[in-house]
Structures are given as C-alpha cells and as structure tokens.
C-alpha cells in the first residue's frame, strides 16, 4: 500500500475515532496530512519536518507501535499520542500514522507495555531497580540520576528516553530537570506564579518544583 492510499483512508478512519482525537500522517521525514480535533491542535502543516521526540519520529525509529505522553516542549502543548508504522506492499516501513489526544484523555487508547527495570550505576555496581522503587529521576550537567528511597544511581538514559520507556500514567515530567513517579509524591504544595512544589516520600523528603511549563499537564493528569 502506498502513502497516497493511506491518505485516502484517513477520512474513513477519522469517522471511527473519538471526537477528541487529532490524526497525523507522515512519511519518513515530514508530515503529509494533519486533521486537528476541537480538543487539541498541534498546528502541524503538510511539509513540516518531523520533530525529534515526536510520536511519529519515535514510531519510525522503533518500527513498531509507540504510545505515551509528550511534553509541551515540542509543539507548545502536552499530548498523548499513539503511533503505528505504515507499510508498503513489500512490508517496508514507509511512514507513520499518529493519533493525538489531550493528556487527560489517554485512557481512550490502549497502553503499550514498557520496561519494568532500569539499570543503576554506583561504586562499580550495576543494580537493576524496579520501576516501583524509583522515586524520581533528575538531570544535572548532562548526567541523569535515579533516586530511590535511600540511594542515588547514575543511569545511561536521558530524561526524554526514560519518558518513552516507563509507563506514562506513572512517571510524569514536572520540570526540565525532573521526572517523577506519581506514587512517590507525598504532598503537592502550591507555589508562586501558579506552580507547585512536590514533597517526595524518599528518605531525604526531597522537594521538587513543578515548573509553569509543565503545571497544566501535571494538573490534568492528576485531576486537580
């Protein structure tokens, strides 16, 4: 099947989607078609290049389905996307189709299994840490750290990569330097300029900021 045929299918497919969903079609380098919904509009135009970190770009890189939250850094608004590769008659990946909804409507799409363990490095040790034991991740001067109840490990992945790997309903970006496990938040305190401060349940009772950029998506996901 060629991309032109996929474009012709979009009209039919869009009738089957939730009303809140936008749909985007791309080849391997640029967007070919975009239909926004009344609930979310990423302002994508045909001919726009794929952005690094977008669901479309990740789907093409993985050659498989991708589904998770995307921070507002890319398109100015946060969104939840489900991407699937498109194939030609020789079963080669030629593009991607992405379904896009507001973060609070992520339940409309099925979740895709993620990794459960992240390898932490400390004192010549490599320790596999289950996602449930991770309080949060931080980034400082190009190095990513994983924080548990009492320990801090270095990890090889960037915060953005960890967003892709870990369950998006469990781990959420609250700041450009922090990715938090919602289950480890002890308290949310109101802060200045419509932002928040998180008191974590780890032993140091770490306090992490929710920056203005991420506050809206954070509130939407937690429903307050």
Protein backbone atom coordinates (compact mmCIF):
# COMPACT_ATOMS: atom_id res chain seq x y z
CA UNK A 1 0.00 0.00 0.00
CA UNK A 2 1.37 3.45 -0.86
CA UNK A 3 1.13 6.67 1.12
CA UNK A 4 -1.46 8.15 -1.22
CA UNK A 5 -3.76 5.23 -0.45
CA UNK A 6 -3.19 5.75 3.28
CA UNK A 7 -4.11 9.42 2.90
CA UNK A 8 -7.37 8.45 1.22
CA UNK A 9 -8.11 6.12 4.14
CA UNK A 10 -7.79 8.88 6.73
CA UNK A 11 -11.28 10.26 6.07
CA UNK A 12 -12.81 6.87 6.79
CA UNK A 13 -10.58 6.20 9.80
CA UNK A 14 -11.35 9.59 11.35
CA UNK A 15 -15.05 8.67 11.50
CA UNK A 16 -14.17 5.79 13.84
CA UNK A 17 -12.02 7.82 16.23
CA UNK A 18 -13.05 9.54 19.46
CA UNK A 19 -14.15 13.13 18.83
CA UNK A 20 -11.19 14.42 20.87
CA UNK A 21 -8.58 12.75 18.64
CA UNK A 22 -6.46 14.50 16.03
CA UNK A 23 -4.74 12.43 13.34
CA UNK A 24 -1.41 12.94 11.58
CA UNK A 25 0.13 11.09 8.64
CA UNK A 26 3.81 11.27 7.74
CA UNK A 27 6.41 9.73 5.52
CA UNK A 28 9.90 9.13 6.90
CA UNK A 29 10.86 12.80 7.07
CA UNK A 30 7.81 15.09 7.00
CA UNK A 31 4.11 15.35 7.74
CA UNK A 32 1.80 14.75 4.79
CA UNK A 33 -1.59 15.33 6.39
CA UNK A 34 -2.96 16.60 9.68
CA UNK A 35 -6.54 16.77 10.92
CA UNK A 36 -6.92 18.58 14.25
CA UNK A 37 -9.81 17.99 16.61
CA UNK A 38 -11.73 20.51 18.66
CA UNK A 39 -9.94 19.23 21.77
CA UNK A 40 -6.31 19.52 20.63
CA UNK A 41 -4.40 21.13 17.77
CA UNK A 42 -0.63 20.79 17.39
CA UNK A 43 -0.63 23.25 14.46
CA UNK A 44 1.09 20.77 12.16
CA UNK A 45 1.10 21.59 8.45
CA UNK A 46 1.83 19.36 5.43
CA UNK A 47 5.53 19.63 4.64
CA UNK A 48 6.58 20.30 8.24
CA UNK A 49 9.61 18.15 9.14
CA UNK A 50 9.21 15.52 11.84
CA UNK A 51 10.41 16.79 15.20
CA UNK A 52 12.87 14.76 17.23
CA UNK A 53 10.96 13.20 20.10
CA UNK A 54 7.56 13.30 18.41
CA UNK A 55 5.44 10.15 18.36
CA UNK A 56 5.82 9.93 14.57
CA UNK A 57 9.62 10.10 14.77
CA UNK A 58 9.73 7.52 17.56
CA UNK A 59 7.39 5.17 15.68
CA UNK A 60 9.61 5.26 12.60
CA UNK A 61 12.76 4.74 14.68
CA UNK A 62 11.25 1.78 16.54
CA UNK A 63 9.47 0.26 13.55
CA UNK A 64 6.68 -0.57 15.95
CA UNK A 65 3.74 0.92 17.82
CA UNK A 66 4.57 3.71 20.27
CA UNK A 67 2.23 5.25 22.84
CA UNK A 68 2.94 7.72 25.65
CA UNK A 69 2.76 11.33 26.79
CA UNK A 70 4.81 14.04 25.08
CA UNK A 71 5.86 17.18 26.93
CA UNK A 72 4.87 20.66 25.69
CA UNK A 73 8.45 21.37 24.59
CA UNK A 74 7.80 20.02 21.09
CA UNK A 75 4.51 21.55 19.97
CA UNK A 76 3.71 24.04 22.72
CA UNK A 77 1.02 21.85 24.29
CA UNK A 78 1.28 18.45 26.02
CA UNK A 79 -0.37 15.50 24.34
CA UNK A 80 -0.78 11.74 24.46
CA UNK A 81 -0.08 10.00 21.18
CA UNK A 82 -0.43 6.55 19.69
CA UNK A 83 1.70 5.93 16.61
CA UNK A 84 1.71 2.97 14.25
CA UNK A 85 4.03 2.33 11.29
CA UNK A 86 2.71 2.23 7.73
CA UNK A 87 3.99 -0.39 5.30
CA UNK A 88 4.27 -0.74 1.54
CA UNK A 89 3.48 -3.89 -0.43
CA UNK A 90 6.95 -5.28 0.39
CA UNK A 91 6.36 -4.86 4.14
CA UNK A 92 8.81 -1.97 4.37
CA UNK A 93 8.06 0.92 6.73
CA UNK A 94 7.26 3.99 4.64
CA UNK A 95 5.60 6.28 7.15
CA UNK A 96 3.63 6.61 10.36
CA UNK A 97 0.10 7.40 11.46
CA UNK A 98 -0.33 9.17 14.80
CA UNK A 99 -3.49 9.58 16.85
CA UNK A 100 -3.32 12.53 19.26
CA UNK A 101 -5.48 13.38 22.29
CA UNK A 102 -5.19 15.71 25.31
CA UNK A 103 -3.25 14.12 28.21
CA UNK A 104 -6.36 13.62 30.34
CA UNK A 105 -7.95 11.51 27.56
CA UNK A 106 -5.12 8.97 27.31
CA UNK A 107 -7.46 6.23 28.55
CA UNK A 108 -9.12 6.28 25.12
CA UNK A 109 -6.15 4.37 23.69
CA UNK A 110 -4.73 1.01 24.82
CA UNK A 111 -1.48 1.14 26.78
CA UNK A 112 1.67 -0.44 25.35
CA UNK A 113 3.85 -2.46 27.76
CA UNK A 114 7.04 -0.73 28.92
CA UNK A 115 10.24 -1.79 30.65
CA UNK A 116 9.96 -2.58 34.36
CA UNK A 117 13.60 -2.30 35.41
CA UNK A 118 16.20 0.44 34.96
CA UNK A 119 19.91 -0.29 35.48
CA UNK A 120 21.55 1.99 38.03
CA UNK A 121 25.31 2.51 38.26
CA UNK A 122 27.14 3.29 41.54
CA UNK A 123 30.55 2.35 43.01
CA UNK A 124 31.34 -0.20 40.29
CA UNK A 125 27.93 -1.81 40.87
CA UNK A 126 25.15 -2.24 38.36
CA UNK A 127 21.82 -2.55 40.14
CA UNK A 128 18.53 -3.35 38.35
CA UNK A 129 15.85 -1.23 40.02
CA UNK A 130 12.14 -1.98 39.58
CA UNK A 131 10.04 0.99 38.48
CA UNK A 132 8.01 0.84 41.70
CA UNK A 133 11.18 1.53 43.74
CA UNK A 134 12.11 4.65 41.76
CA UNK A 135 11.05 7.91 43.42
CA UNK A 136 12.25 10.22 40.66
CA UNK A 137 14.93 10.96 38.08
CA UNK A 138 16.97 14.14 37.91
CA UNK A 139 19.33 15.60 35.33
CA UNK A 140 22.33 17.81 36.03
CA UNK A 141 25.04 18.93 33.60
CA UNK A 142 24.28 16.16 31.11
CA UNK A 143 24.11 13.32 33.65
CA UNK A 144 20.89 11.55 34.65
CA UNK A 145 20.38 10.28 38.20
CA UNK A 146 17.87 7.77 39.57
CA UNK A 147 16.66 8.36 43.14
CA UNK A 148 15.22 5.57 45.29
CA UNK A 149 14.21 5.51 48.96
CA UNK A 150 17.80 5.89 50.18
CA UNK A 151 20.16 5.65 47.19
CA UNK A 152 21.13 7.66 44.13
CA UNK A 153 22.37 5.95 40.95
CA UNK A 154 23.62 7.21 37.61
CA UNK A 155 21.70 5.94 34.58
CA UNK A 156 22.63 5.99 30.91
CA UNK A 157 19.26 7.16 29.57
CA UNK A 158 18.22 10.79 29.21
CA UNK A 159 15.03 12.03 30.87
CA UNK A 160 13.33 12.09 27.48
CA UNK A 161 14.30 8.47 26.79
CA UNK A 162 13.02 7.45 30.22
CA UNK A 163 9.69 9.11 29.43
CA UNK A 164 9.42 6.77 26.43
CA UNK A 165 10.46 3.66 28.36
CA UNK A 166 8.42 3.97 31.55
CA UNK A 167 4.61 3.89 32.00
CA UNK A 168 3.29 7.34 31.14
CA UNK A 169 0.47 7.09 33.69
CA UNK A 170 3.06 6.54 36.43
CA UNK A 171 6.02 8.78 35.52
CA UNK A 172 5.47 12.40 34.59
CA UNK A 173 7.77 15.26 33.75
CA UNK A 174 7.35 18.09 36.26
CA UNK A 175 10.36 20.17 35.24
CA UNK A 176 13.01 20.09 32.54
CA UNK A 177 15.35 18.54 35.14
CA UNK A 178 12.95 16.12 36.89
CA UNK A 179 10.82 13.09 36.01
CA UNK A 180 8.76 11.89 38.99
CA UNK A 181 6.98 8.70 39.99
CA UNK A 182 3.46 9.81 40.97
CA UNK A 183 3.27 7.06 43.59
CA UNK A 184 6.20 8.60 45.45
CA UNK A 185 4.66 12.06 45.79
CA UNK A 186 3.83 12.66 49.43
CA UNK A 187 2.33 16.11 49.10
CA UNK A 188 1.71 18.80 46.49
CA UNK A 189 2.21 22.33 47.77
CA UNK A 190 1.07 25.44 45.93
CA UNK A 191 3.98 27.65 44.96
CA UNK A 192 4.31 31.08 43.39
CA UNK A 193 3.18 32.00 39.83
CA UNK A 194 0.70 29.10 39.58
CA UNK A 195 3.41 26.47 40.09
CA UNK A 196 3.75 23.70 42.67
CA UNK A 197 6.31 22.09 44.94
CA UNK A 198 6.37 18.32 45.42
CA UNK A 199 7.40 16.75 48.71
CA UNK A 200 8.57 13.25 47.89
CA UNK A 201 8.35 10.12 50.06
CA UNK A 202 12.04 9.26 49.81
CA UNK A 203 14.14 9.33 52.98
CA UNK A 204 15.51 12.87 52.41
CA UNK A 205 11.91 14.05 51.69
CA UNK A 206 13.17 15.73 48.54
CA UNK A 207 11.34 18.84 47.35
CA UNK A 208 10.95 19.10 43.59
CA UNK A 209 9.49 22.02 41.61
CA UNK A 210 6.68 21.76 39.07
CA UNK A 211 7.57 24.48 36.60
CA UNK A 212 4.97 26.66 34.92
CA UNK A 213 5.66 24.93 31.62
CA UNK A 214 4.57 21.54 32.99
CA UNK A 215 1.97 22.65 35.54
CA UNK A 216 -1.02 22.34 33.20
CA UNK A 217 -0.20 18.78 32.08
CA UNK A 218 0.55 17.85 35.69
CA UNK A 219 -2.81 19.14 36.90
CA UNK A 220 -4.64 17.41 34.04
CA UNK A 221 -3.09 14.03 34.73
CA UNK A 222 -3.79 14.17 38.47
CA UNK A 223 -7.20 15.76 38.04
CA UNK A 224 -6.98 18.85 40.23
